[in-house]
């Protein structure tokens, strides 16, 4: 299963195709909140019906696109995404975080190039209950991760993020 999270498997494919994940992010960010939330809820529900390989590919595309994105725009979507994951419950939230963690650990160079500051601001603006549940899910995922993969992932994330998550 580890191979499906490796960015090198499809890197040449991504370089020759348009950045669909980035385009979708910009389109969603431009929508009024009620439409954005509704569309994102539908996309999340569809996401959970996909095979693991397809889920991992979608996440790889997002991770690949993030370093070149306007993170202030992305932060708006990130906040909505976390709120929706909270609505979907711990099991689904943890499962998607598990996939993101595995893909990110396999793409540490891209992760290290992400500007996390706007994402952290969006996270800090969440309701306390959403923040607490998100942190608990992230910690649960990290506890279950292979130590080597966890180490790679944590080294690629800025210290201020780790502090907010209570991981240092």
N, C-alpha and C. Protein backbone atom coordinates (compact mmCIF):
# COMPACT_ATOMS: atom_id res chain seq x y z
N UNK A 1 0.83 -1.20 0.00
CA UNK A 1 0.00 0.00 0.00
C UNK A 1 0.87 1.26 0.00
N UNK A 2 2.06 1.19 0.55
CA UNK A 2 2.92 2.36 0.64
C UNK A 2 3.18 2.97 -0.74
N UNK A 3 3.29 2.15 -1.77
CA UNK A 3 3.59 2.63 -3.11
C UNK A 3 2.57 3.61 -3.65
N UNK A 4 1.32 3.48 -3.24
CA UNK A 4 0.31 4.39 -3.79
C UNK A 4 0.47 5.80 -3.25
N UNK A 5 1.26 5.97 -2.22
CA UNK A 5 1.44 7.29 -1.64
C UNK A 5 2.71 7.98 -2.13
N UNK A 6 3.50 7.29 -2.91
CA UNK A 6 4.78 7.82 -3.37
C UNK A 6 4.59 8.76 -4.55
N UNK A 7 5.06 9.97 -4.41
CA UNK A 7 4.89 10.98 -5.45
C UNK A 7 5.64 10.64 -6.72
N UNK A 8 6.70 9.89 -6.63
CA UNK A 8 7.51 9.59 -7.80
C UNK A 8 6.79 8.68 -8.77
N UNK A 9 5.77 7.95 -8.30
CA UNK A 9 5.03 7.03 -9.16
C UNK A 9 4.38 7.76 -10.33
N UNK A 10 3.89 8.96 -10.12
CA UNK A 10 3.12 9.67 -11.13
C UNK A 10 3.63 11.07 -11.41
N UNK A 11 4.83 11.37 -10.99
CA UNK A 11 5.35 12.74 -11.13
C UNK A 11 5.39 13.18 -12.58
N UNK A 12 5.81 12.31 -13.49
CA UNK A 12 5.88 12.72 -14.90
C UNK A 12 4.49 12.95 -15.47
N UNK A 13 3.50 12.17 -15.02
CA UNK A 13 2.12 12.39 -15.48
C UNK A 13 1.63 13.77 -15.06
N UNK A 14 1.94 14.17 -13.82
CA UNK A 14 1.46 15.45 -13.31
C UNK A 14 2.11 16.61 -14.02
N UNK A 15 3.37 16.45 -14.40
CA UNK A 15 4.07 17.55 -15.06
C UNK A 15 3.52 17.81 -16.45
N UNK A 16 2.91 16.81 -17.08
CA UNK A 16 2.42 16.98 -18.44
C UNK A 16 0.93 17.30 -18.51
N UNK A 17 0.24 17.34 -17.38
CA UNK A 17 -1.19 17.63 -17.37
C UNK A 17 -1.44 18.93 -16.62
N UNK A 18 -2.57 19.58 -16.93
CA UNK A 18 -2.91 20.81 -16.22
C UNK A 18 -3.10 20.55 -14.72
N UNK A 19 -3.00 21.60 -13.94
CA UNK A 19 -3.15 21.50 -12.51
C UNK A 19 -4.64 21.56 -12.16
N UNK A 20 -5.32 20.43 -12.28
CA UNK A 20 -6.75 20.38 -12.02
C UNK A 20 -7.08 20.69 -10.57
N UNK A 21 -6.29 20.18 -9.64
CA UNK A 21 -6.55 20.44 -8.22
C UNK A 21 -6.47 21.94 -7.94
N UNK A 22 -5.47 22.60 -8.47
CA UNK A 22 -5.34 24.04 -8.27
C UNK A 22 -6.49 24.81 -8.88
N UNK A 23 -6.93 24.40 -10.06
CA UNK A 23 -8.07 25.06 -10.71
C UNK A 23 -9.34 24.91 -9.89
N UNK A 24 -9.57 23.72 -9.36
CA UNK A 24 -10.76 23.47 -8.55
C UNK A 24 -10.72 24.30 -7.28
N UNK A 25 -9.54 24.39 -6.67
CA UNK A 25 -9.40 25.17 -5.44
C UNK A 25 -9.78 26.64 -5.70
N UNK A 26 -9.29 27.21 -6.79
CA UNK A 26 -9.61 28.60 -7.11
C UNK A 26 -11.09 28.79 -7.40
N UNK A 27 -11.69 27.86 -8.11
CA UNK A 27 -13.12 27.96 -8.43
C UNK A 27 -13.94 27.91 -7.16
N UNK A 28 -13.66 26.94 -6.28
CA UNK A 28 -14.41 26.81 -5.03
C UNK A 28 -14.23 28.04 -4.14
N UNK A 29 -13.02 28.55 -4.08
CA UNK A 29 -12.75 29.71 -3.21
C UNK A 29 -13.52 30.94 -3.67
N UNK A 30 -13.81 31.03 -4.95
CA UNK A 30 -14.52 32.19 -5.48
C UNK A 30 -16.03 32.15 -5.26
N UNK A 31 -16.54 31.02 -4.80
CA UNK A 31 -17.98 30.88 -4.59
C UNK A 31 -18.41 31.48 -3.25
N UNK A 32 -19.66 31.93 -3.17
CA UNK A 32 -20.18 32.35 -1.86
C UNK A 32 -20.14 31.15 -0.90
N UNK A 33 -20.02 31.43 0.40
CA UNK A 33 -19.83 30.37 1.38
C UNK A 33 -20.90 29.28 1.31
N UNK A 34 -22.18 29.65 1.16
CA UNK A 34 -23.23 28.63 1.16
C UNK A 34 -23.09 27.67 -0.02
N UNK A 35 -22.66 28.17 -1.18
CA UNK A 35 -22.44 27.30 -2.33
C UNK A 35 -21.16 26.49 -2.16
N UNK A 36 -20.13 27.15 -1.68
CA UNK A 36 -18.84 26.49 -1.48
C UNK A 36 -19.00 25.32 -0.51
N UNK A 37 -19.69 25.56 0.59
CA UNK A 37 -19.85 24.52 1.60
C UNK A 37 -20.67 23.35 1.05
N UNK A 38 -21.72 23.66 0.32
CA UNK A 38 -22.56 22.62 -0.27
C UNK A 38 -21.78 21.78 -1.28
N UNK A 39 -21.03 22.45 -2.15
CA UNK A 39 -20.25 21.73 -3.15
C UNK A 39 -19.14 20.91 -2.50
N UNK A 40 -18.48 21.46 -1.53
CA UNK A 40 -17.41 20.73 -0.86
C UNK A 40 -17.97 19.53 -0.09
N UNK A 41 -19.14 19.67 0.52
CA UNK A 41 -19.78 18.55 1.23
C UNK A 41 -20.04 17.41 0.24
N UNK A 42 -20.57 17.76 -0.94
CA UNK A 42 -20.83 16.73 -1.96
C UNK A 42 -19.54 16.07 -2.42
N UNK A 43 -18.48 16.86 -2.64
CA UNK A 43 -17.20 16.31 -3.09
C UNK A 43 -16.59 15.41 -2.01
N UNK A 44 -16.72 15.80 -0.75
CA UNK A 44 -16.20 14.96 0.33
C UNK A 44 -16.95 13.63 0.40
N UNK A 45 -18.26 13.69 0.27
CA UNK A 45 -19.04 12.45 0.29
C UNK A 45 -18.65 11.55 -0.88
N UNK A 46 -18.41 12.13 -2.05
CA UNK A 46 -17.95 11.36 -3.20
C UNK A 46 -16.56 10.78 -2.94
N UNK A 47 -15.70 11.58 -2.34
CA UNK A 47 -14.33 11.15 -2.04
C UNK A 47 -14.35 9.85 -1.24
N UNK A 48 -15.21 9.76 -0.25
CA UNK A 48 -15.23 8.60 0.62
C UNK A 48 -15.76 7.35 -0.07
N UNK A 49 -16.33 7.49 -1.27
CA UNK A 49 -16.78 6.32 -2.02
C UNK A 49 -15.70 5.78 -2.96
N UNK A 50 -14.60 6.50 -3.12
CA UNK A 50 -13.53 6.11 -4.05
C UNK A 50 -12.68 4.98 -3.48
N UNK A 51 -11.98 4.31 -4.38
CA UNK A 51 -10.97 3.32 -3.98
C UNK A 51 -9.78 4.06 -3.39
N UNK A 52 -9.01 3.39 -2.54
CA UNK A 52 -7.86 4.03 -1.90
C UNK A 52 -6.87 4.61 -2.90
N UNK A 53 -6.63 3.91 -4.00
CA UNK A 53 -5.69 4.39 -5.02
C UNK A 53 -6.15 5.75 -5.58
N UNK A 54 -7.45 5.87 -5.84
CA UNK A 54 -7.99 7.13 -6.38
C UNK A 54 -7.96 8.24 -5.33
N UNK A 55 -8.24 7.89 -4.08
CA UNK A 55 -8.15 8.87 -3.00
C UNK A 55 -6.72 9.40 -2.90
N UNK A 56 -5.76 8.48 -2.91
CA UNK A 56 -4.36 8.88 -2.79
C UNK A 56 -3.94 9.76 -3.96
N UNK A 57 -4.40 9.44 -5.16
CA UNK A 57 -4.06 10.25 -6.33
C UNK A 57 -4.62 11.67 -6.20
N UNK A 58 -5.84 11.79 -5.73
CA UNK A 58 -6.43 13.11 -5.52
C UNK A 58 -5.62 13.91 -4.51
N UNK A 59 -5.24 13.26 -3.43
CA UNK A 59 -4.47 13.94 -2.38
C UNK A 59 -3.09 14.32 -2.91
N UNK A 60 -2.45 13.43 -3.66
CA UNK A 60 -1.15 13.76 -4.27
C UNK A 60 -1.28 15.01 -5.14
N UNK A 61 -2.36 15.11 -5.91
CA UNK A 61 -2.56 16.28 -6.77
C UNK A 61 -2.70 17.56 -5.94
N UNK A 62 -3.39 17.48 -4.83
CA UNK A 62 -3.53 18.64 -3.96
C UNK A 62 -2.18 19.03 -3.38
N UNK A 63 -1.44 18.07 -2.85
CA UNK A 63 -0.13 18.33 -2.26
C UNK A 63 0.82 18.90 -3.31
N UNK A 64 0.73 18.39 -4.51
CA UNK A 64 1.56 18.87 -5.61
C UNK A 64 1.22 20.33 -5.95
N UNK A 65 -0.07 20.69 -5.89
CA UNK A 65 -0.52 22.03 -6.27
C UNK A 65 -0.27 23.09 -5.19
N UNK A 66 -0.32 22.71 -3.94
CA UNK A 66 -0.29 23.69 -2.85
C UNK A 66 0.89 24.66 -2.86
N UNK A 67 2.12 24.22 -3.10
CA UNK A 67 3.21 25.20 -3.05
C UNK A 67 3.08 26.34 -4.07
N UNK A 68 2.35 26.13 -5.14
CA UNK A 68 2.20 27.18 -6.15
C UNK A 68 0.90 27.96 -6.02
N UNK A 69 0.13 27.66 -5.01
CA UNK A 69 -1.18 28.29 -4.83
C UNK A 69 -1.08 29.55 -3.98
N UNK A 70 -2.06 30.44 -4.14
CA UNK A 70 -2.24 31.57 -3.24
C UNK A 70 -2.82 31.00 -1.95
N UNK A 71 -2.04 30.93 -0.91
CA UNK A 71 -2.46 30.25 0.31
C UNK A 71 -3.53 31.02 1.07
N UNK A 72 -3.68 32.31 0.82
CA UNK A 72 -4.79 33.03 1.45
C UNK A 72 -6.11 32.55 0.88
N UNK A 73 -6.14 32.28 -0.41
CA UNK A 73 -7.32 31.71 -1.06
C UNK A 73 -7.55 30.30 -0.55
N UNK A 74 -6.50 29.53 -0.49
CA UNK A 74 -6.58 28.13 -0.06
C UNK A 74 -7.03 28.04 1.40
N UNK A 75 -6.62 28.98 2.22
CA UNK A 75 -6.97 28.96 3.65
C UNK A 75 -8.48 29.03 3.86
N UNK A 76 -9.15 29.79 3.02
CA UNK A 76 -10.61 29.89 3.10
C UNK A 76 -11.23 28.50 2.90
N UNK A 77 -10.73 27.76 1.92
CA UNK A 77 -11.24 26.41 1.67
C UNK A 77 -10.83 25.44 2.77
N UNK A 78 -9.62 25.60 3.26
CA UNK A 78 -9.12 24.75 4.33
C UNK A 78 -10.03 24.82 5.55
N UNK A 79 -10.43 26.03 5.91
CA UNK A 79 -11.32 26.20 7.06
C UNK A 79 -12.66 25.51 6.82
N UNK A 80 -13.24 25.71 5.65
CA UNK A 80 -14.51 25.07 5.31
C UNK A 80 -14.35 23.55 5.32
N UNK A 81 -13.25 23.06 4.76
CA UNK A 81 -12.98 21.63 4.70
C UNK A 81 -12.91 21.03 6.11
N UNK A 82 -12.22 21.70 7.02
CA UNK A 82 -12.12 21.20 8.39
C UNK A 82 -13.48 21.21 9.09
N UNK A 83 -14.27 22.24 8.85
CA UNK A 83 -15.62 22.29 9.43
C UNK A 83 -16.48 21.13 8.92
N UNK A 84 -16.38 20.87 7.62
CA UNK A 84 -17.16 19.77 7.04
C UNK A 84 -16.67 18.41 7.56
N UNK A 85 -15.37 18.25 7.68
CA UNK A 85 -14.85 16.99 8.23
C UNK A 85 -15.34 16.80 9.66
N UNK A 86 -15.46 17.88 10.40
CA UNK A 86 -15.98 17.80 11.76
C UNK A 86 -17.42 17.30 11.74
N UNK A 87 -18.21 17.82 10.81
CA UNK A 87 -19.60 17.38 10.67
C UNK A 87 -19.70 15.90 10.32
N UNK A 88 -18.75 15.41 9.52
CA UNK A 88 -18.79 14.02 9.08
C UNK A 88 -18.39 13.04 10.18
N UNK A 89 -17.74 13.53 11.22
CA UNK A 89 -17.42 12.67 12.36
C UNK A 89 -15.98 12.20 12.38
N UNK A 90 -15.64 11.64 13.53
CA UNK A 90 -14.26 11.25 13.82
C UNK A 90 -13.74 10.18 12.86
N UNK A 91 -14.54 9.20 12.55
CA UNK A 91 -14.06 8.10 11.70
C UNK A 91 -13.63 8.59 10.32
N UNK A 92 -14.47 9.38 9.68
CA UNK A 92 -14.13 9.88 8.35
C UNK A 92 -13.00 10.91 8.42
N UNK A 93 -13.03 11.76 9.44
CA UNK A 93 -11.98 12.76 9.60
C UNK A 93 -10.63 12.07 9.78
N UNK A 94 -10.59 11.07 10.64
CA UNK A 94 -9.34 10.35 10.88
C UNK A 94 -8.89 9.61 9.63
N UNK A 95 -9.82 9.03 8.90
CA UNK A 95 -9.43 8.28 7.70
C UNK A 95 -8.83 9.18 6.63
N UNK A 96 -9.39 10.37 6.45
CA UNK A 96 -8.82 11.28 5.45
C UNK A 96 -7.48 11.84 5.93
N UNK A 97 -7.36 12.13 7.22
CA UNK A 97 -6.08 12.60 7.75
C UNK A 97 -5.01 11.52 7.62
N UNK A 98 -5.41 10.26 7.80
CA UNK A 98 -4.46 9.14 7.64
C UNK A 98 -3.92 9.12 6.21
N UNK A 99 -4.79 9.29 5.24
CA UNK A 99 -4.36 9.32 3.84
C UNK A 99 -3.47 10.52 3.56
N UNK A 100 -3.87 11.69 4.04
CA UNK A 100 -3.04 12.89 3.85
C UNK A 100 -1.67 12.71 4.48
N UNK A 101 -1.62 12.16 5.68
CA UNK A 101 -0.34 11.98 6.37
C UNK A 101 0.57 11.06 5.56
N UNK A 102 0.03 9.97 5.05
CA UNK A 102 0.84 9.02 4.27
C UNK A 102 1.34 9.67 2.98
N UNK A 103 0.46 10.38 2.29
CA UNK A 103 0.86 11.03 1.04
C UNK A 103 1.88 12.14 1.32
N UNK A 104 1.64 12.91 2.36
CA UNK A 104 2.58 13.98 2.71
C UNK A 104 3.94 13.43 3.09
N UNK A 105 3.97 12.32 3.82
CA UNK A 105 5.25 11.71 4.21
C UNK A 105 6.02 11.24 2.98
N UNK A 106 5.31 10.89 1.92
CA UNK A 106 5.95 10.49 0.68
C UNK A 106 6.27 11.64 -0.25
N UNK A 107 5.91 12.84 0.14
CA UNK A 107 6.13 14.05 -0.66
C UNK A 107 6.70 15.18 0.18
N UNK A 108 7.66 14.88 1.03
CA UNK A 108 8.16 15.87 1.99
C UNK A 108 8.76 17.10 1.32
N UNK A 109 9.32 16.95 0.13
CA UNK A 109 9.87 18.13 -0.55
C UNK A 109 8.77 19.12 -0.89
N UNK A 110 7.64 18.63 -1.38
CA UNK A 110 6.51 19.52 -1.67
C UNK A 110 5.92 20.11 -0.39
N UNK A 111 5.79 19.29 0.63
CA UNK A 111 5.22 19.75 1.90
C UNK A 111 6.08 20.87 2.48
N UNK A 112 7.38 20.72 2.41
CA UNK A 112 8.29 21.73 2.96
C UNK A 112 8.18 23.06 2.23
N UNK A 113 7.67 23.06 1.01
CA UNK A 113 7.52 24.29 0.23
C UNK A 113 6.16 24.97 0.43
N UNK A 114 5.28 24.39 1.21
CA UNK A 114 3.96 24.96 1.45
C UNK A 114 4.05 26.09 2.48
N UNK A 115 3.38 27.20 2.19
CA UNK A 115 3.30 28.31 3.14
C UNK A 115 2.15 28.00 4.10
N UNK A 116 2.47 27.50 5.27
CA UNK A 116 1.47 27.07 6.23
C UNK A 116 0.84 28.22 7.03
N UNK A 117 1.43 29.41 7.01
CA UNK A 117 0.94 30.51 7.86
C UNK A 117 -0.54 30.81 7.65
N UNK A 118 -1.03 30.99 6.40
CA UNK A 118 -2.46 31.25 6.24
C UNK A 118 -3.33 30.07 6.68
N UNK A 119 -2.83 28.85 6.51
CA UNK A 119 -3.58 27.67 6.96
C UNK A 119 -3.68 27.65 8.48
N UNK A 120 -2.60 28.03 9.15
CA UNK A 120 -2.60 28.08 10.60
C UNK A 120 -3.58 29.15 11.09
N UNK A 121 -3.60 30.31 10.42
CA UNK A 121 -4.56 31.36 10.79
C UNK A 121 -6.00 30.85 10.63
N UNK A 122 -6.27 30.14 9.55
CA UNK A 122 -7.61 29.58 9.33
C UNK A 122 -7.94 28.57 10.41
N UNK A 123 -6.98 27.71 10.74
CA UNK A 123 -7.18 26.71 11.79
C UNK A 123 -7.49 27.39 13.12
N UNK A 124 -6.72 28.41 13.45
CA UNK A 124 -6.92 29.12 14.73
C UNK A 124 -8.24 29.86 14.79
N UNK A 125 -8.85 30.15 13.64
CA UNK A 125 -10.14 30.85 13.62
C UNK A 125 -11.33 29.90 13.77
N UNK A 126 -11.06 28.61 13.81
CA UNK A 126 -12.13 27.63 13.96
C UNK A 126 -12.71 27.63 15.37
N UNK A 127 -13.92 27.17 15.49
CA UNK A 127 -14.56 26.94 16.77
C UNK A 127 -13.69 25.99 17.60
N UNK A 128 -13.66 26.19 18.92
CA UNK A 128 -12.82 25.36 19.80
C UNK A 128 -13.10 23.86 19.63
N UNK A 129 -14.36 23.50 19.48
CA UNK A 129 -14.72 22.08 19.33
C UNK A 129 -14.16 21.48 18.06
N UNK A 130 -14.19 22.23 16.97
CA UNK A 130 -13.65 21.76 15.69
C UNK A 130 -12.13 21.62 15.80
N UNK A 131 -11.50 22.62 16.39
CA UNK A 131 -10.04 22.57 16.57
C UNK A 131 -9.62 21.37 17.41
N UNK A 132 -10.29 21.18 18.54
CA UNK A 132 -9.94 20.08 19.44
C UNK A 132 -10.12 18.73 18.78
N UNK A 133 -11.23 18.55 18.08
CA UNK A 133 -11.49 17.27 17.39
C UNK A 133 -10.46 17.04 16.28
N UNK A 134 -10.10 18.10 15.58
CA UNK A 134 -9.11 17.99 14.51
C UNK A 134 -7.76 17.57 15.09
N UNK A 135 -7.34 18.22 16.16
CA UNK A 135 -6.07 17.88 16.79
C UNK A 135 -6.09 16.43 17.29
N UNK A 136 -7.19 16.02 17.90
CA UNK A 136 -7.28 14.64 18.39
C UNK A 136 -7.15 13.64 17.25
N UNK A 137 -7.77 13.93 16.12
CA UNK A 137 -7.68 13.02 14.97
C UNK A 137 -6.26 12.98 14.42
N UNK A 138 -5.63 14.13 14.34
CA UNK A 138 -4.24 14.18 13.84
C UNK A 138 -3.33 13.38 14.77
N UNK A 139 -3.48 13.56 16.06
CA UNK A 139 -2.65 12.82 17.02
C UNK A 139 -2.89 11.31 16.90
N UNK A 140 -4.13 10.93 16.71
CA UNK A 140 -4.47 9.51 16.55
C UNK A 140 -3.77 8.93 15.32
N UNK A 141 -3.80 9.67 14.22
CA UNK A 141 -3.14 9.22 13.00
C UNK A 141 -1.64 9.08 13.22
N UNK A 142 -1.04 10.07 13.85
CA UNK A 142 0.41 10.04 14.08
C UNK A 142 0.81 8.89 15.00
N UNK A 143 -0.01 8.59 16.00
CA UNK A 143 0.29 7.47 16.90
C UNK A 143 0.33 6.15 16.14
N UNK A 144 -0.51 6.02 15.13
CA UNK A 144 -0.60 4.78 14.37
C UNK A 144 0.40 4.69 13.22
N UNK A 145 1.09 5.79 12.91
CA UNK A 145 2.02 5.80 11.77
C UNK A 145 3.31 5.08 12.07
N UNK A 146 3.88 4.51 11.04
CA UNK A 146 5.23 3.96 11.08
C UNK A 146 6.17 5.08 11.53
N UNK A 147 7.10 4.77 12.43
CA UNK A 147 7.97 5.80 13.00
C UNK A 147 8.80 6.54 11.95
N UNK A 148 9.29 5.81 10.95
CA UNK A 148 10.10 6.45 9.91
C UNK A 148 9.25 7.45 9.11
N UNK A 149 8.06 7.02 8.71
CA UNK A 149 7.17 7.90 7.94
C UNK A 149 6.75 9.11 8.79
N UNK A 150 6.44 8.86 10.06
CA UNK A 150 6.05 9.95 10.96
C UNK A 150 7.19 10.95 11.09
N UNK A 151 8.41 10.46 11.24
CA UNK A 151 9.57 11.34 11.35
C UNK A 151 9.75 12.20 10.12
N UNK A 152 9.61 11.59 8.94
CA UNK A 152 9.72 12.35 7.69
C UNK A 152 8.66 13.45 7.62
N UNK A 153 7.46 13.08 7.96
CA UNK A 153 6.35 14.04 7.91
C UNK A 153 6.57 15.20 8.88
N UNK A 154 6.88 14.89 10.11
CA UNK A 154 7.04 15.94 11.12
C UNK A 154 8.20 16.88 10.83
N UNK A 155 9.26 16.36 10.20
CA UNK A 155 10.39 17.22 9.84
C UNK A 155 10.03 18.21 8.74
N UNK A 156 9.01 17.90 7.95
CA UNK A 156 8.65 18.77 6.83
C UNK A 156 7.64 19.85 7.23
N UNK A 157 7.14 19.78 8.45
CA UNK A 157 6.12 20.72 8.92
C UNK A 157 6.77 21.75 9.86
N UNK A 158 6.48 23.03 9.66
CA UNK A 158 7.08 24.07 10.51
C UNK A 158 6.79 23.86 12.00
N UNK A 159 7.75 24.24 12.81
CA UNK A 159 7.66 24.06 14.26
C UNK A 159 6.44 24.75 14.86
N UNK A 160 6.09 25.95 14.36
CA UNK A 160 4.94 26.65 14.95
C UNK A 160 3.64 25.85 14.75
N UNK A 161 3.54 25.11 13.67
CA UNK A 161 2.36 24.26 13.44
C UNK A 161 2.38 23.11 14.45
N UNK A 162 3.53 22.50 14.62
CA UNK A 162 3.65 21.39 15.56
C UNK A 162 3.31 21.84 16.99
N UNK A 163 3.70 23.04 17.34
CA UNK A 163 3.40 23.57 18.67
C UNK A 163 1.90 23.74 18.86
N UNK A 164 1.23 24.33 17.87
CA UNK A 164 -0.23 24.53 17.96
C UNK A 164 -0.95 23.20 18.09
N UNK A 165 -0.44 22.17 17.39
CA UNK A 165 -1.05 20.85 17.44
C UNK A 165 -0.67 20.06 18.69
N UNK A 166 0.24 20.62 19.50
CA UNK A 166 0.68 19.94 20.71
C UNK A 166 1.58 18.75 20.41
N UNK A 167 2.39 18.87 19.36
CA UNK A 167 3.25 17.75 18.94
C UNK A 167 4.72 17.98 19.28
N UNK A 168 5.02 19.04 20.02
CA UNK A 168 6.41 19.28 20.43
C UNK A 168 6.47 19.48 21.93
